[in-house]
Amino acid sequence: MILFLWVTCVYLSTGTLPWYGAADNDLYSIMESISIQELCSGAPEVFEYYLTICLSLEFGEKPPYCDLRKALQICSGLT
């Protein structure tokens, strides 16, 4: 779920996503093989940081809420 939110944030920040323009039958394989760096290309660096943390968590592992909150504050310009 968090991944979809951040993909939306990347789109709103950059105006595009790496798989735009791909044929429907190629879409899933492109989305599955894209790296975090490629996805966040052109977006603020904090996007890549946030996604890296979220995607590295194991099921049931407690997220580092303080770090993630700081990342959101940086994105919003509140720091």
C-alpha atoms as a PDB file:
ATOM      1  CA  MET A   1       0.000   0.000   0.000  1.00  0.00           C
ATOM      2  CA  ILE A   2       2.751   2.455   0.913  1.00  0.00           C
ATOM      3  CA  LEU A   3       4.428   1.755  -2.422  1.00  0.00           C
ATOM      4  CA  PHE A   4       1.361   2.951  -4.325  1.00  0.00           C
ATOM      5  CA  LEU A   5       1.278   6.147  -2.292  1.00  0.00           C
ATOM      6  CA  TRP A   6       4.918   6.879  -3.057  1.00  0.00           C
ATOM      7  CA  VAL A   7       4.564   6.029  -6.748  1.00  0.00           C
ATOM      8  CA  THR A   8       1.797   8.645  -6.800  1.00  0.00           C
ATOM      9  CA  CYS A   9       4.100  11.117  -5.028  1.00  0.00           C
ATOM     10  CA  VAL A  10       6.850  10.449  -7.583  1.00  0.00           C
ATOM     11  CA  TYR A  11       4.360  11.053 -10.389  1.00  0.00           C
ATOM     12  CA  LEU A  12       3.128  14.291  -8.829  1.00  0.00           C
ATOM     13  CA  SER A  13       6.711  15.444  -8.335  1.00  0.00           C
ATOM     14  CA  THR A  14       8.092  14.527 -11.771  1.00  0.00           C
ATOM     15  CA  GLY A  15       5.008  14.438 -13.992  1.00  0.00           C
ATOM     16  CA  THR A  16       5.870  10.998 -15.332  1.00  0.00           C
ATOM     17  CA  LEU A  17       6.693   7.410 -14.406  1.00  0.00           C
ATOM     18  CA  PRO A  18       9.275   5.126 -16.064  1.00  0.00           C
ATOM     19  CA  TRP A  19       6.625   2.805 -17.511  1.00  0.00           C
ATOM     20  CA  TYR A  20       4.466   5.469 -19.171  1.00  0.00           C
ATOM     21  CA  GLY A  21       4.037   4.728 -22.840  1.00  0.00           C
ATOM     22  CA  ALA A  22       4.732   0.994 -22.470  1.00  0.00           C
ATOM     23  CA  ALA A  23       2.429  -1.495 -24.112  1.00  0.00           C
ATOM     24  CA  ASP A  24      -0.102  -3.071 -21.751  1.00  0.00           C
ATOM     25  CA  ASN A  25       1.439  -6.518 -22.111  1.00  0.00           C
ATOM     26  CA  ASP A  26       4.877  -5.118 -21.097  1.00  0.00           C
ATOM     27  CA  LEU A  27       3.641  -3.000 -18.216  1.00  0.00           C
ATOM     28  CA  TYR A  28       3.856  -5.584 -15.439  1.00  0.00           C
ATOM     29  CA  SER A  29       7.344  -6.775 -16.378  1.00  0.00           C
ATOM     30  CA  ILE A  30       8.611  -3.173 -16.518  1.00  0.00           C
ATOM     31  CA  MET A  31       7.050  -2.293 -13.163  1.00  0.00           C
ATOM     32  CA  GLU A  32       8.437  -5.460 -11.593  1.00  0.00           C
ATOM     33  CA  SER A  33      11.993  -4.915 -12.843  1.00  0.00           C
ATOM     34  CA  ILE A  34      12.367  -1.175 -12.189  1.00  0.00           C
ATOM     35  CA  SER A  35      14.814  -0.157  -9.479  1.00  0.00           C
ATOM     36  CA  ILE A  36      14.049   2.369  -6.762  1.00  0.00           C
ATOM     37  CA  GLN A  37      16.669   4.659  -8.302  1.00  0.00           C
ATOM     38  CA  GLU A  38      14.971   4.524 -11.711  1.00  0.00           C
ATOM     39  CA  LEU A  39      11.531   5.038 -10.200  1.00  0.00           C
ATOM     40  CA  CYS A  40      12.662   8.085  -8.228  1.00  0.00           C
ATOM     41  CA  SER A  41      14.729   9.622 -11.011  1.00  0.00           C
ATOM     42  CA  GLY A  42      13.954  13.333 -11.113  1.00  0.00           C
ATOM     43  CA  ALA A  43      12.165  13.313  -7.750  1.00  0.00           C
ATOM     44  CA  PRO A  44      13.622  14.695  -4.522  1.00  0.00           C
ATOM     45  CA  GLU A  45      16.327  12.428  -3.040  1.00  0.00           C
ATOM     46  CA  VAL A  46      14.236  11.839   0.060  1.00  0.00           C
ATOM     47  CA  PHE A  47      11.761   9.790  -2.045  1.00  0.00           C
ATOM     48  CA  GLU A  48      14.434   7.189  -2.754  1.00  0.00           C
ATOM     49  CA  TYR A  49      15.425   7.137   0.921  1.00  0.00           C
ATOM     50  CA  TYR A  50      11.821   6.621   2.066  1.00  0.00           C
ATOM     51  CA  LEU A  51      11.101   3.843  -0.419  1.00  0.00           C
ATOM     52  CA  THR A  52      14.352   2.063   0.406  1.00  0.00           C
ATOM     53  CA  ILE A  53      13.419   1.979   4.081  1.00  0.00           C
ATOM     54  CA  CYS A  54       9.833   0.855   3.457  1.00  0.00           C
ATOM     55  CA  LEU A  55      10.739  -1.888   1.008  1.00  0.00           C
ATOM     56  CA  SER A  56      13.509  -3.253   3.230  1.00  0.00           C
ATOM     57  CA  LEU A  57      11.176  -3.923   6.157  1.00  0.00           C
ATOM     58  CA  GLU A  58      10.295  -7.511   6.961  1.00  0.00           C
ATOM     59  CA  PHE A  59       6.680  -8.447   7.583  1.00  0.00           C
ATOM     60  CA  GLY A  60       5.836  -7.550  11.149  1.00  0.00           C
ATOM     61  CA  GLU A  61       8.942  -5.383  11.595  1.00  0.00           C
ATOM     62  CA  LYS A  62       8.305  -2.048  13.257  1.00  0.00           C
ATOM     63  CA  PRO A  63       9.037   0.835  10.857  1.00  0.00           C
ATOM     64  CA  PRO A  64      11.412   3.589  11.972  1.00  0.00           C
ATOM     65  CA  TYR A  65       8.575   6.067  12.349  1.00  0.00           C
ATOM     66  CA  CYS A  66      10.802   8.947  13.455  1.00  0.00           C
ATOM     67  CA  ASP A  67      12.970   8.665  10.325  1.00  0.00           C
ATOM     68  CA  LEU A  68       9.959   8.317   8.044  1.00  0.00           C
ATOM     69  CA  ARG A  69       8.275  11.315   9.657  1.00  0.00           C
ATOM     70  CA  LYS A  70      11.412  13.386   9.065  1.00  0.00           C
ATOM     71  CA  ALA A  71      11.417  12.300   5.415  1.00  0.00           C
ATOM     72  CA  LEU A  72       7.809  13.458   5.033  1.00  0.00           C
ATOM     73  CA  GLN A  73       8.665  16.772   6.662  1.00  0.00           C
ATOM     74  CA  ILE A  74      11.535  17.260   4.231  1.00  0.00           C
ATOM     75  CA  CYS A  75       9.199  16.530   1.295  1.00  0.00           C
ATOM     76  CA  SER A  76       6.664  19.028   2.521  1.00  0.00           C
ATOM     77  CA  GLY A  77       9.259  21.701   3.286  1.00  0.00           C
ATOM     78  CA  LEU A  78       8.436  21.797   6.997  1.00  0.00           C
ATOM     79  CA  THR A  79      12.043  21.429   8.128  1.00  0.00           C
END
